[in-house]
Amino acid sequence: MDYLDALSRADVTAAHPGGIDLTVWWLNRVPLQPGAAVLDVGCGTGATALLLAERGARVTALDVRQEMIERLRRKAERRAIPVNAVVGSAEHLPWPAASFDAVIGESILVFMDIPIALQETRRVLRRGGFAVFVEMVAPPDPPVGWHEEASRVYGAREVPTLERWLQHFHAAGMRPSVLRAGSIWDLAQQLPAQSPSACMDPAAFMDAEVAQALAEHLAWMTRFGDTLGYGVFYVEV
């Protein structure tokens, strides 16, 4: 079982850097209008999608994992919150051009082909629209084994440096701004609820495969966490 499958089985609500507290932070700083059509890419079990809908957005949520989408649909139904939840990939978005006012992605780009996902994001955004991405950031001079272990433990295809992130956005024809960036450890002090284990079903620890995946996550953080950064990127098209 890989890390993302473990998050799905454990019903982790917000595993991205900073968790839902960081989501609320950036949401209070972007020009999202009531009634805006918003696409939450890599939505997981739906914490951000539901928050956006509660704030008046018309939300479409996408995730490649059927189990994630089914959990989101059940939550939305229980809370009577309208969310259009769809199984699919950010690399092949199943909507025509200029379909959304905003696209949101929290800890998703590192798991895919970043240029392709950004081109798809740009394609479905309307003129004057924007995207927000919350992503892991690699150090300029990582310790030996940093990227290899990030790939093995998390399935990350690329974890760029801050400079490389900006290059990716510019190459996709986007205009990026960094709303917030820094060390994961500093963020943990500012927003202490970010640990995946703090927002998961406690019964999941009884699942040996989930426990193993989370143990590998903790081992990676123990070895490399002091060098791991994050970025909150506001991107205009």
Protein backbone atom coordinates (compact mmCIF):
# COMPACT_ATOMS: atom_id res chain seq x y z
CA MET A 1 0.00 0.00 0.00
CA ASP A 2 1.38 3.41 -0.92
CA TYR A 3 1.10 6.54 1.22
CA LEU A 4 -1.85 8.04 -0.66
CA ASP A 5 -3.80 4.78 -0.48
CA ALA A 6 -3.14 4.74 3.27
CA LEU A 7 -4.52 8.28 3.61
CA SER A 8 -7.63 7.21 1.75
CA ARG A 9 -8.22 4.13 3.87
CA ALA A 10 -7.61 6.10 7.08
CA ASP A 11 -9.99 8.88 5.96
CA VAL A 12 -7.35 11.55 6.57
CA THR A 13 -9.14 14.85 6.07
CA ALA A 14 -6.24 17.23 5.34
CA ALA A 15 -2.76 15.78 4.84
CA HIS A 16 -1.28 18.69 2.89
CA PRO A 17 1.20 21.05 4.57
CA GLY A 18 -0.54 23.10 7.23
CA GLY A 19 -3.77 21.11 6.99
CA ILE A 20 -7.13 22.84 6.99
CA ASP A 21 -5.76 25.74 9.07
CA LEU A 22 -3.47 26.75 6.20
CA THR A 23 -6.39 26.33 3.80
CA VAL A 24 -8.42 28.82 5.82
CA TRP A 25 -5.39 31.14 5.92
CA TRP A 26 -5.00 31.36 2.14
CA LEU A 27 -8.74 31.30 1.51
CA ASN A 28 -9.04 34.53 3.48
CA ARG A 29 -6.44 36.13 1.20
CA VAL A 30 -7.61 35.33 -2.33
CA PRO A 31 -10.38 37.05 -4.35
CA LEU A 32 -12.85 34.16 -4.42
CA GLN A 33 -16.33 35.50 -5.08
CA PRO A 34 -19.60 33.84 -3.93
CA GLY A 35 -20.97 31.67 -6.72
CA ALA A 36 -17.56 31.21 -8.36
CA ALA A 37 -17.04 27.93 -10.20
CA VAL A 38 -14.15 26.23 -8.38
CA LEU A 39 -12.32 23.00 -9.21
CA ASP A 40 -10.60 21.25 -6.29
CA VAL A 41 -8.02 18.97 -7.91
CA GLY A 42 -6.78 16.02 -5.89
CA CYS A 43 -9.54 16.71 -3.39
CA GLY A 44 -8.93 13.68 -1.17
CA THR A 45 -11.81 13.09 1.22
CA GLY A 46 -13.07 16.60 0.70
CA ALA A 47 -12.19 18.91 3.59
CA THR A 48 -11.32 21.83 1.32
CA ALA A 49 -14.10 21.14 -1.18
CA LEU A 50 -16.71 21.19 1.59
CA LEU A 51 -15.24 24.36 3.09
CA LEU A 52 -15.34 26.09 -0.30
CA ALA A 53 -18.95 25.05 -0.83
CA GLU A 54 -19.91 26.28 2.62
CA ARG A 55 -18.46 29.65 1.66
CA GLY A 56 -20.70 29.87 -1.37
CA ALA A 57 -18.58 28.51 -4.20
CA ARG A 58 -19.97 26.13 -6.82
CA VAL A 59 -17.53 23.30 -6.24
CA THR A 60 -16.39 20.47 -8.47
CA ALA A 61 -14.00 18.07 -6.74
CA LEU A 62 -11.70 15.66 -8.58
CA ASP A 63 -9.60 12.79 -7.32
CA VAL A 64 -8.04 9.80 -9.05
CA ARG A 65 -9.04 7.46 -6.19
CA GLN A 66 -12.62 6.17 -6.23
CA GLU A 67 -12.55 5.59 -2.45
CA MET A 68 -11.70 9.24 -1.81
CA ILE A 69 -14.57 10.41 -4.00
CA GLU A 70 -17.04 8.03 -2.35
CA ARG A 71 -16.07 9.33 1.10
CA LEU A 72 -16.52 12.92 -0.07
CA ARG A 73 -19.94 12.15 -1.54
CA ARG A 74 -21.09 10.60 1.72
CA LYS A 75 -19.85 13.58 3.75
CA ALA A 76 -21.49 16.06 1.39
CA GLU A 77 -24.77 14.15 1.54
CA ARG A 78 -24.74 13.95 5.34
CA ARG A 79 -24.09 17.69 5.62
CA ALA A 80 -26.44 18.61 2.75
CA ILE A 81 -23.64 20.49 0.97
CA PRO A 82 -23.73 20.53 -2.86
CA VAL A 83 -20.44 19.26 -4.31
CA ASN A 84 -19.98 17.66 -7.73
CA ALA A 85 -17.46 14.88 -6.98
CA VAL A 86 -15.75 13.26 -9.97
CA VAL A 87 -13.16 10.50 -10.40
CA GLY A 88 -10.38 11.61 -12.73
CA SER A 89 -6.83 12.82 -13.20
CA ALA A 90 -5.43 16.35 -13.06
CA GLU A 91 -3.32 15.43 -16.08
CA HIS A 92 -6.46 14.83 -18.19
CA LEU A 93 -9.21 17.08 -16.86
CA PRO A 94 -12.60 16.02 -18.29
CA TRP A 95 -13.94 19.54 -18.89
CA PRO A 96 -13.81 21.95 -21.82
CA ALA A 97 -11.63 25.04 -21.86
CA ALA A 98 -12.57 28.01 -19.66
CA SER A 99 -14.85 26.00 -17.34
CA PHE A 100 -13.74 27.38 -13.95
CA ASP A 101 -13.04 30.67 -12.18
CA ALA A 102 -10.51 29.05 -9.84
CA VAL A 103 -8.56 25.82 -9.49
CA ILE A 104 -7.30 24.60 -6.12
CA GLY A 105 -4.65 21.96 -5.54
CA GLU A 106 -3.15 21.06 -2.16
CA SER A 107 -0.17 18.71 -2.23
CA ILE A 108 -1.02 17.19 -5.59
CA LEU A 109 1.40 18.46 -8.24
CA VAL A 110 4.41 16.61 -6.78
CA PHE A 111 2.67 13.31 -7.55
CA MET A 112 2.24 13.91 -11.28
CA ASP A 113 3.81 15.37 -14.39
CA ILE A 114 3.91 19.00 -13.27
CA PRO A 115 4.05 20.68 -16.72
CA ILE A 116 1.12 18.62 -18.01
CA ALA A 117 -1.00 19.28 -14.90
CA LEU A 118 -0.29 23.02 -15.10
CA GLN A 119 -1.19 23.15 -18.79
CA GLU A 120 -4.48 21.41 -17.99
CA THR A 121 -5.10 23.86 -15.15
CA ARG A 122 -4.48 26.81 -17.44
CA ARG A 123 -6.75 25.32 -20.10
CA VAL A 124 -9.81 24.98 -17.85
CA LEU A 125 -9.42 28.38 -16.18
CA ARG A 126 -11.43 31.30 -17.49
CA ARG A 127 -9.76 34.57 -18.42
CA GLY A 128 -9.05 36.44 -15.22
CA GLY A 129 -9.15 33.24 -13.21
CA PHE A 130 -6.57 31.98 -10.76
CA ALA A 131 -5.18 28.88 -9.13
CA VAL A 132 -3.88 28.22 -5.63
CA PHE A 133 -1.40 25.43 -4.99
CA VAL A 134 -0.05 24.33 -1.61
CA GLU A 135 2.98 22.16 -2.23
CA MET A 136 6.10 20.64 -0.71
CA VAL A 137 9.34 22.48 -1.50
CA ALA A 138 12.76 20.84 -1.68
CA PRO A 139 15.90 22.45 -0.28
CA PRO A 140 18.45 23.80 -2.80
CA ASP A 141 21.07 21.33 -1.57
CA PRO A 142 19.21 18.28 -0.27
CA PRO A 143 20.91 15.59 1.82
CA VAL A 144 21.90 12.36 0.08
CA GLY A 145 18.84 10.21 -0.56
CA TRP A 146 16.31 13.04 -0.06
CA HIS A 147 14.59 12.85 -3.44
CA GLU A 148 14.95 9.08 -3.77
CA GLU A 149 13.27 8.48 -0.41
CA ALA A 150 10.53 11.05 -1.15
CA SER A 151 9.79 9.06 -4.27
CA ARG A 152 9.85 5.69 -2.48
CA VAL A 153 7.82 6.69 0.60
CA TYR A 154 5.32 9.11 -0.92
CA GLY A 155 5.36 8.32 -4.61
CA ALA A 156 6.47 11.89 -5.38
CA ARG A 157 7.58 12.28 -9.00
CA GLU A 158 9.24 15.66 -8.49
CA VAL A 159 9.60 17.91 -5.45
CA PRO A 160 10.94 21.20 -6.85
CA THR A 161 12.83 23.93 -5.05
CA LEU A 162 11.04 27.25 -4.62
CA GLU A 163 12.89 28.66 -7.63
CA ARG A 164 12.01 25.62 -9.73
CA TRP A 165 8.32 25.93 -8.79
CA LEU A 166 8.28 29.47 -10.12
CA GLN A 167 9.97 28.30 -13.32
CA HIS A 168 7.27 25.65 -13.79
CA PHE A 169 4.49 28.24 -13.42
CA HIS A 170 6.13 30.68 -15.83
CA ALA A 171 6.72 27.91 -18.38
CA ALA A 172 2.97 27.17 -18.32
CA GLY A 173 2.17 30.79 -19.17
CA MET A 174 1.10 31.66 -15.61
CA ARG A 175 1.93 34.58 -13.33
CA PRO A 176 2.84 33.18 -9.89
CA SER A 177 3.07 34.88 -6.52
CA VAL A 178 4.25 33.26 -3.30
CA LEU A 179 1.66 33.92 -0.60
CA ARG A 180 3.60 32.05 2.06
CA ALA A 181 6.64 29.79 2.23
CA GLY A 182 9.05 28.41 4.76
CA SER A 183 10.02 25.39 6.79
CA ILE A 184 7.58 22.59 7.55
CA TRP A 185 8.89 22.57 11.13
CA ASP A 186 8.14 26.32 11.51
CA LEU A 187 4.68 25.76 10.01
CA ALA A 188 4.06 22.97 12.53
CA GLN A 189 4.70 25.46 15.33
CA GLN A 190 2.35 28.02 13.78
CA LEU A 191 -0.37 25.55 12.76
CA PRO A 192 0.07 22.50 15.00
CA ALA A 193 -2.90 20.56 13.62
CA GLN A 194 -1.13 19.64 10.38
CA SER A 195 -0.03 16.07 11.21
CA PRO A 196 -2.00 13.44 9.24
CA SER A 197 -2.43 11.38 12.40
CA ALA A 198 -4.23 14.33 14.02
CA CYS A 199 -7.06 14.22 11.48
CA MET A 200 -7.63 10.55 10.78
CA ASP A 201 -9.89 7.75 11.91
CA PRO A 202 -8.17 6.32 15.05
CA ALA A 203 -9.33 2.82 14.11
CA ALA A 204 -7.07 3.03 11.05
CA PHE A 205 -4.04 2.40 13.26
CA MET A 206 -5.32 -1.17 13.62
CA ASP A 207 -4.77 -1.70 9.88
CA ALA A 208 -1.24 -3.08 9.47
CA GLU A 209 -0.78 -1.65 5.97
CA VAL A 210 -1.90 1.82 7.03
CA ALA A 211 0.30 1.67 10.10
CA GLN A 212 3.31 0.68 7.98
CA ALA A 213 2.75 3.52 5.49
CA LEU A 214 2.42 6.07 8.28
CA ALA A 215 5.50 4.65 10.03
CA GLU A 216 7.52 5.19 6.84
CA HIS A 217 6.17 8.76 6.66
CA LEU A 218 7.31 9.41 10.23
CA ALA A 219 10.72 7.86 9.51
CA TRP A 220 11.15 10.11 6.47
CA MET A 221 10.18 13.18 8.51
CA THR A 222 12.61 12.21 11.25
CA ARG A 223 15.43 11.89 8.74
CA PHE A 224 14.66 14.77 6.39
CA GLY A 225 11.88 16.88 7.89
CA ASP A 226 14.17 19.67 9.04
CA THR A 227 15.04 20.35 5.38
CA LEU A 228 11.52 20.11 3.96
CA GLY A 229 9.77 23.33 2.98
CA TYR A 230 6.34 24.32 1.72
CA GLY A 231 4.89 27.00 -0.51
CA VAL A 232 1.48 28.55 -1.02
CA PHE A 233 1.34 29.76 -4.62
CA TYR A 234 -1.27 32.14 -6.05
CA VAL A 235 -1.18 31.82 -9.82
CA GLU A 236 -2.95 34.06 -12.33
CA VAL A 237 -3.61 33.33 -15.99
